[in-house]
């Protein structure tokens, strides 16, 4: 994750102390996306020294429209791939709903040239 913007109050209250996780995104054969967050996602296998960072695996479930996903476990009701070149960057629009409050997020993901998954381009 390179950058995040959101109106989520929990995020706004903690953004100055939040570390951005490393994220690996892997397209699955069924059209879903597998995401791996945290220190174990580092390609070199070297975890972050900060003991507060935790590994998390999750799946974004493909929606009815191309490029649309959801993840109920993370209260993410609408995840859309706004723009991507499948290798260097992706911009995601995410809506969440917690305790009846809707929040919107914009997330910028950065990749490395020739990185994992760059050979396989899913239909987002």
N, C-alpha and C. Protein backbone atom coordinates (compact mmCIF):
# COMPACT_ATOMS: atom_id res chain seq x y z
N UNK A 1 0.86 -1.17 0.00
CA UNK A 1 0.00 0.00 0.00
C UNK A 1 0.90 1.22 0.00
N UNK A 2 0.73 2.08 -1.01
CA UNK A 2 1.53 3.29 -1.13
C UNK A 2 0.84 4.46 -0.45
N UNK A 3 -0.48 4.55 -0.59
CA UNK A 3 -1.21 5.66 0.01
C UNK A 3 -2.67 5.33 0.22
N UNK A 4 -3.27 6.01 1.21
CA UNK A 4 -4.67 5.80 1.56
C UNK A 4 -5.31 7.13 1.87
N UNK A 5 -6.55 7.32 1.41
CA UNK A 5 -7.37 8.46 1.81
C UNK A 5 -8.73 7.89 2.22
N UNK A 6 -9.29 8.40 3.32
CA UNK A 6 -10.56 7.88 3.79
C UNK A 6 -11.25 8.87 4.71
N UNK A 7 -12.58 8.72 4.80
CA UNK A 7 -13.35 9.48 5.78
C UNK A 7 -13.69 8.61 6.99
N UNK A 8 -13.10 7.41 7.08
CA UNK A 8 -13.34 6.50 8.20
C UNK A 8 -12.75 7.09 9.48
N UNK A 9 -13.58 7.29 10.50
CA UNK A 9 -13.14 7.97 11.72
C UNK A 9 -12.05 7.19 12.46
N UNK A 10 -12.15 5.86 12.51
CA UNK A 10 -11.10 5.06 13.16
C UNK A 10 -9.77 5.25 12.45
N UNK A 11 -9.78 5.27 11.12
CA UNK A 11 -8.56 5.51 10.36
C UNK A 11 -8.02 6.90 10.64
N UNK A 12 -8.89 7.91 10.60
CA UNK A 12 -8.44 9.28 10.83
C UNK A 12 -7.84 9.45 12.22
N UNK A 13 -8.39 8.77 13.21
CA UNK A 13 -7.88 8.87 14.58
C UNK A 13 -6.52 8.20 14.76
N UNK A 14 -6.21 7.22 13.93
CA UNK A 14 -4.97 6.46 14.13
C UNK A 14 -3.97 6.58 12.98
N UNK A 15 -4.27 7.37 11.96
CA UNK A 15 -3.45 7.39 10.75
C UNK A 15 -2.01 7.80 10.99
N UNK A 16 -1.76 8.67 11.97
CA UNK A 16 -0.39 9.12 12.21
C UNK A 16 0.48 8.02 12.82
N UNK A 17 -0.13 7.04 13.44
CA UNK A 17 0.61 5.95 14.08
C UNK A 17 0.52 4.64 13.31
N UNK A 18 -0.18 4.65 12.18
CA UNK A 18 -0.40 3.43 11.41
C UNK A 18 0.73 3.20 10.42
N UNK A 19 1.22 1.97 10.37
CA UNK A 19 2.21 1.60 9.37
C UNK A 19 1.48 0.93 8.22
N UNK A 20 1.88 1.23 7.01
CA UNK A 20 1.26 0.64 5.84
C UNK A 20 1.79 -0.77 5.64
N UNK A 21 0.91 -1.75 5.49
CA UNK A 21 1.37 -3.12 5.31
C UNK A 21 1.84 -3.38 3.88
N UNK A 22 2.66 -4.38 3.74
CA UNK A 22 3.00 -4.88 2.42
C UNK A 22 1.86 -5.79 2.01
N UNK A 23 1.44 -5.69 0.75
CA UNK A 23 0.31 -6.49 0.28
C UNK A 23 0.72 -7.22 -1.00
N UNK A 24 0.48 -8.51 -1.03
CA UNK A 24 0.62 -9.27 -2.26
C UNK A 24 -0.77 -9.63 -2.74
N UNK A 25 -1.08 -9.32 -4.00
CA UNK A 25 -2.38 -9.61 -4.58
C UNK A 25 -2.19 -10.70 -5.63
N UNK A 26 -2.95 -11.78 -5.49
CA UNK A 26 -2.85 -12.90 -6.43
C UNK A 26 -4.23 -13.18 -7.03
N UNK A 27 -4.37 -13.05 -8.35
CA UNK A 27 -5.65 -13.39 -8.97
C UNK A 27 -5.87 -14.90 -8.91
N UNK A 28 -7.09 -15.30 -8.56
CA UNK A 28 -7.45 -16.71 -8.49
C UNK A 28 -8.18 -17.13 -9.76
N UNK A 29 -8.16 -18.41 -10.05
CA UNK A 29 -8.78 -18.92 -11.28
C UNK A 29 -10.28 -18.63 -11.36
N UNK A 30 -10.96 -18.52 -10.21
CA UNK A 30 -12.41 -18.27 -10.22
C UNK A 30 -12.77 -16.79 -10.32
N UNK A 31 -11.75 -15.91 -10.45
CA UNK A 31 -12.00 -14.48 -10.59
C UNK A 31 -11.87 -13.70 -9.30
N UNK A 32 -11.77 -14.39 -8.15
CA UNK A 32 -11.55 -13.71 -6.88
C UNK A 32 -10.10 -13.25 -6.79
N UNK A 33 -9.79 -12.43 -5.78
CA UNK A 33 -8.43 -11.98 -5.53
C UNK A 33 -8.01 -12.43 -4.13
N UNK A 34 -6.85 -13.07 -4.03
CA UNK A 34 -6.29 -13.44 -2.73
C UNK A 34 -5.32 -12.35 -2.31
N UNK A 35 -5.46 -11.86 -1.08
CA UNK A 35 -4.57 -10.82 -0.56
C UNK A 35 -3.84 -11.32 0.67
N UNK A 36 -2.55 -10.99 0.73
CA UNK A 36 -1.71 -11.35 1.86
C UNK A 36 -1.10 -10.05 2.39
N UNK A 37 -1.46 -9.68 3.62
CA UNK A 37 -0.99 -8.45 4.23
C UNK A 37 0.06 -8.76 5.29
N UNK A 38 0.94 -7.80 5.53
CA UNK A 38 1.81 -7.88 6.69
C UNK A 38 3.22 -8.30 6.39
N UNK A 39 3.99 -8.56 7.45
CA UNK A 39 5.42 -8.79 7.30
C UNK A 39 5.75 -10.03 6.49
N UNK A 40 4.91 -11.04 6.52
CA UNK A 40 5.20 -12.25 5.76
C UNK A 40 4.96 -12.06 4.27
N UNK A 41 4.36 -10.93 3.90
CA UNK A 41 4.12 -10.67 2.48
C UNK A 41 5.37 -10.13 1.80
N UNK A 42 6.38 -9.75 2.56
CA UNK A 42 7.61 -9.21 1.99
C UNK A 42 8.26 -10.30 1.14
N UNK A 43 8.55 -9.96 -0.11
CA UNK A 43 9.06 -10.95 -1.05
C UNK A 43 10.36 -11.59 -0.58
N UNK A 44 11.20 -10.83 0.13
CA UNK A 44 12.48 -11.36 0.60
C UNK A 44 12.30 -12.34 1.74
N UNK A 45 11.11 -12.36 2.34
CA UNK A 45 10.86 -13.23 3.48
C UNK A 45 11.32 -12.62 4.80
N UNK A 46 11.86 -11.41 4.76
CA UNK A 46 12.32 -10.75 5.97
C UNK A 46 11.17 -10.00 6.62
N UNK A 47 10.74 -10.41 7.82
CA UNK A 47 9.63 -9.71 8.48
C UNK A 47 10.06 -8.36 9.02
N UNK A 48 9.09 -7.49 9.23
CA UNK A 48 9.37 -6.20 9.83
C UNK A 48 9.77 -6.39 11.28
N UNK A 49 10.64 -5.53 11.81
CA UNK A 49 11.04 -5.67 13.21
C UNK A 49 9.93 -5.29 14.18
N UNK A 50 8.93 -4.57 13.74
CA UNK A 50 7.84 -4.13 14.61
C UNK A 50 6.94 -5.31 14.96
N UNK A 51 6.91 -5.68 16.22
CA UNK A 51 6.11 -6.83 16.65
C UNK A 51 4.62 -6.57 16.55
N UNK A 52 4.21 -5.31 16.36
CA UNK A 52 2.79 -4.98 16.29
C UNK A 52 2.15 -5.31 14.97
N UNK A 53 2.93 -5.62 13.96
CA UNK A 53 2.39 -5.91 12.64
C UNK A 53 2.06 -7.39 12.54
N UNK A 54 0.87 -7.70 12.05
CA UNK A 54 0.43 -9.09 11.98
C UNK A 54 0.14 -9.49 10.55
N UNK A 55 0.36 -10.75 10.26
CA UNK A 55 0.06 -11.30 8.94
C UNK A 55 -1.44 -11.54 8.84
N UNK A 56 -1.99 -11.29 7.66
CA UNK A 56 -3.41 -11.55 7.45
C UNK A 56 -3.62 -12.02 6.02
N UNK A 57 -4.39 -13.08 5.85
CA UNK A 57 -4.77 -13.57 4.54
C UNK A 57 -6.26 -13.36 4.37
N UNK A 58 -6.68 -12.89 3.20
CA UNK A 58 -8.10 -12.70 2.95
C UNK A 58 -8.38 -12.85 1.46
N UNK A 59 -9.64 -12.96 1.12
CA UNK A 59 -10.05 -13.07 -0.28
C UNK A 59 -11.09 -12.01 -0.59
N UNK A 60 -10.89 -11.31 -1.70
CA UNK A 60 -11.90 -10.40 -2.22
C UNK A 60 -12.74 -11.22 -3.20
N UNK A 61 -14.03 -11.33 -2.95
CA UNK A 61 -14.93 -12.12 -3.77
C UNK A 61 -15.41 -11.32 -4.97
N UNK A 62 -15.29 -11.91 -6.16
CA UNK A 62 -15.69 -11.24 -7.40
C UNK A 62 -17.17 -10.90 -7.36
N UNK A 63 -17.49 -9.68 -7.78
CA UNK A 63 -18.87 -9.23 -7.82
C UNK A 63 -19.50 -9.45 -9.18
N UNK A 64 -20.66 -8.86 -9.39
CA UNK A 64 -21.41 -9.03 -10.64
C UNK A 64 -20.76 -8.31 -11.81
N UNK A 65 -20.09 -7.18 -11.54
CA UNK A 65 -19.46 -6.39 -12.60
C UNK A 65 -17.95 -6.64 -12.62
N UNK A 66 -17.35 -6.52 -13.80
CA UNK A 66 -15.90 -6.64 -13.90
C UNK A 66 -15.23 -5.61 -13.01
N UNK A 67 -14.21 -6.04 -12.27
CA UNK A 67 -13.46 -5.12 -11.42
C UNK A 67 -14.12 -4.82 -10.09
N UNK A 68 -15.23 -5.48 -9.78
CA UNK A 68 -15.94 -5.23 -8.52
C UNK A 68 -15.81 -6.46 -7.63
N UNK A 69 -15.51 -6.21 -6.33
CA UNK A 69 -15.28 -7.27 -5.36
C UNK A 69 -15.92 -6.87 -4.04
N UNK A 70 -15.98 -7.83 -3.09
CA UNK A 70 -16.44 -7.54 -1.73
C UNK A 70 -15.71 -8.44 -0.76
N UNK A 71 -15.72 -8.05 0.52
CA UNK A 71 -15.13 -8.85 1.58
C UNK A 71 -15.92 -8.59 2.84
N UNK A 72 -16.92 -9.43 3.10
CA UNK A 72 -17.82 -9.23 4.25
C UNK A 72 -17.07 -9.31 5.57
N UNK A 73 -16.06 -10.16 5.67
CA UNK A 73 -15.32 -10.32 6.92
C UNK A 73 -14.62 -9.03 7.34
N UNK A 74 -14.25 -8.20 6.37
CA UNK A 74 -13.59 -6.93 6.67
C UNK A 74 -14.56 -5.76 6.57
N UNK A 75 -15.86 -6.04 6.52
CA UNK A 75 -16.92 -5.03 6.42
C UNK A 75 -16.78 -4.20 5.14
N UNK A 76 -16.13 -4.77 4.12
CA UNK A 76 -15.95 -4.08 2.85
C UNK A 76 -17.05 -4.54 1.90
N UNK A 77 -18.04 -3.67 1.73
CA UNK A 77 -19.21 -4.04 0.97
C UNK A 77 -19.05 -3.83 -0.53
N UNK A 78 -18.13 -2.95 -0.92
CA UNK A 78 -17.95 -2.66 -2.34
C UNK A 78 -16.49 -2.30 -2.57
N UNK A 79 -15.78 -3.13 -3.32
CA UNK A 79 -14.38 -2.89 -3.66
C UNK A 79 -14.32 -2.84 -5.18
N UNK A 80 -13.81 -1.73 -5.71
CA UNK A 80 -13.73 -1.60 -7.17
C UNK A 80 -12.31 -1.25 -7.58
N UNK A 81 -11.82 -1.94 -8.60
CA UNK A 81 -10.53 -1.60 -9.18
C UNK A 81 -10.79 -0.44 -10.12
N UNK A 82 -10.36 0.75 -9.71
CA UNK A 82 -10.62 1.96 -10.50
C UNK A 82 -9.68 2.02 -11.70
N UNK A 83 -8.41 1.71 -11.45
CA UNK A 83 -7.42 1.77 -12.52
C UNK A 83 -6.24 0.88 -12.14
N UNK A 84 -5.66 0.21 -13.13
CA UNK A 84 -4.46 -0.59 -12.90
C UNK A 84 -3.77 -0.86 -14.23
N UNK A 85 -2.44 -1.05 -14.16
CA UNK A 85 -1.73 -1.53 -15.34
C UNK A 85 -1.26 -2.97 -15.11
N UNK A 86 -1.74 -3.59 -14.02
CA UNK A 86 -1.50 -4.99 -13.68
C UNK A 86 -0.05 -5.29 -13.30
N UNK A 87 0.80 -4.28 -13.27
CA UNK A 87 2.20 -4.52 -12.95
C UNK A 87 2.76 -3.49 -11.99
N UNK A 88 2.50 -2.22 -12.24
CA UNK A 88 3.13 -1.16 -11.46
C UNK A 88 2.22 -0.51 -10.42
N UNK A 89 0.92 -0.46 -10.68
CA UNK A 89 0.02 0.22 -9.75
C UNK A 89 -1.41 -0.30 -9.86
N UNK A 90 -2.18 -0.03 -8.82
CA UNK A 90 -3.63 -0.25 -8.84
C UNK A 90 -4.25 0.78 -7.90
N UNK A 91 -5.38 1.34 -8.31
CA UNK A 91 -6.15 2.24 -7.46
C UNK A 91 -7.46 1.54 -7.14
N UNK A 92 -7.77 1.41 -5.85
CA UNK A 92 -9.00 0.77 -5.41
C UNK A 92 -9.90 1.76 -4.71
N UNK A 93 -11.20 1.66 -4.99
CA UNK A 93 -12.25 2.39 -4.28
C UNK A 93 -12.91 1.36 -3.38
N UNK A 94 -13.01 1.66 -2.09
CA UNK A 94 -13.56 0.70 -1.13
C UNK A 94 -14.61 1.39 -0.28
N UNK A 95 -15.78 0.76 -0.18
CA UNK A 95 -16.81 1.22 0.76
C UNK A 95 -16.86 0.22 1.91
N UNK A 96 -16.91 0.75 3.14
CA UNK A 96 -17.07 -0.11 4.31
C UNK A 96 -18.31 0.33 5.07
N UNK A 97 -18.83 -0.58 5.86
CA UNK A 97 -19.98 -0.26 6.71
C UNK A 97 -19.74 -0.92 8.06
N UNK A 98 -19.50 -0.07 9.08
CA UNK A 98 -19.28 -0.55 10.45
C UNK A 98 -20.28 0.14 11.36
N UNK A 99 -21.02 -0.65 12.11
CA UNK A 99 -22.03 -0.12 13.05
C UNK A 99 -22.98 0.83 12.34
N UNK A 100 -23.33 0.51 11.09
CA UNK A 100 -24.27 1.31 10.33
C UNK A 100 -23.69 2.57 9.71
N UNK A 101 -22.39 2.81 9.90
CA UNK A 101 -21.75 4.01 9.35
C UNK A 101 -20.98 3.64 8.08
N UNK A 102 -21.29 4.32 6.99
CA UNK A 102 -20.63 4.08 5.71
C UNK A 102 -19.39 4.95 5.61
N UNK A 103 -18.28 4.35 5.19
CA UNK A 103 -17.04 5.07 4.96
C UNK A 103 -16.53 4.74 3.57
N UNK A 104 -15.78 5.66 2.99
CA UNK A 104 -15.20 5.48 1.66
C UNK A 104 -13.68 5.59 1.77
N UNK A 105 -13.00 4.72 1.05
CA UNK A 105 -11.54 4.70 1.03
C UNK A 105 -11.06 4.73 -0.42
N UNK A 106 -9.95 5.40 -0.67
CA UNK A 106 -9.21 5.28 -1.92
C UNK A 106 -7.84 4.75 -1.53
N UNK A 107 -7.41 3.68 -2.19
CA UNK A 107 -6.14 3.05 -1.85
C UNK A 107 -5.29 2.94 -3.11
N UNK A 108 -4.02 3.34 -2.98
CA UNK A 108 -3.06 3.24 -4.07
C UNK A 108 -2.07 2.13 -3.73
N UNK A 109 -2.00 1.14 -4.60
CA UNK A 109 -1.06 0.04 -4.44
C UNK A 109 0.04 0.21 -5.49
N UNK A 110 1.28 -0.03 -5.10
CA UNK A 110 2.41 0.05 -6.02
C UNK A 110 3.04 -1.32 -6.16
N UNK A 111 3.57 -1.59 -7.34
CA UNK A 111 4.23 -2.87 -7.59
C UNK A 111 5.65 -2.63 -8.03
N UNK A 112 6.34 -3.70 -8.25
CA UNK A 112 7.70 -3.59 -8.75
C UNK A 112 7.76 -4.22 -10.13
N UNK A 113 8.52 -3.64 -11.04
CA UNK A 113 8.62 -4.21 -12.39
C UNK A 113 9.04 -5.67 -12.33
N UNK A 114 8.33 -6.50 -13.07
CA UNK A 114 8.66 -7.92 -13.10
C UNK A 114 8.30 -8.65 -11.82
N UNK A 115 7.49 -8.00 -10.98
CA UNK A 115 7.11 -8.59 -9.70
C UNK A 115 6.22 -9.80 -9.88
N UNK A 116 6.00 -10.49 -8.77
CA UNK A 116 5.14 -11.69 -8.81
C UNK A 116 3.77 -11.36 -9.36
N UNK A 117 3.30 -12.19 -10.25
CA UNK A 117 1.96 -12.02 -10.79
C UNK A 117 1.89 -11.13 -12.01
N UNK A 118 3.02 -10.49 -12.37
CA UNK A 118 2.96 -9.58 -13.51
C UNK A 118 2.77 -10.31 -14.83
N UNK A 119 3.01 -11.62 -14.85
CA UNK A 119 2.83 -12.39 -16.07
C UNK A 119 1.38 -12.78 -16.30
N UNK A 120 0.58 -12.70 -15.24
CA UNK A 120 -0.81 -13.17 -15.32
C UNK A 120 -1.75 -11.99 -15.10
N UNK A 121 -2.46 -11.58 -16.10
CA UNK A 121 -3.32 -10.42 -16.00
C UNK A 121 -4.78 -10.84 -15.92
N UNK A 122 -5.39 -10.67 -14.74
CA UNK A 122 -6.80 -11.07 -14.62
C UNK A 122 -7.72 -10.06 -15.28
N UNK A 123 -8.91 -10.48 -15.60
CA UNK A 123 -9.93 -9.56 -16.12
C UNK A 123 -10.57 -8.87 -14.93
N UNK A 124 -10.06 -7.68 -14.61
CA UNK A 124 -10.61 -6.93 -13.47
C UNK A 124 -11.71 -6.08 -13.94
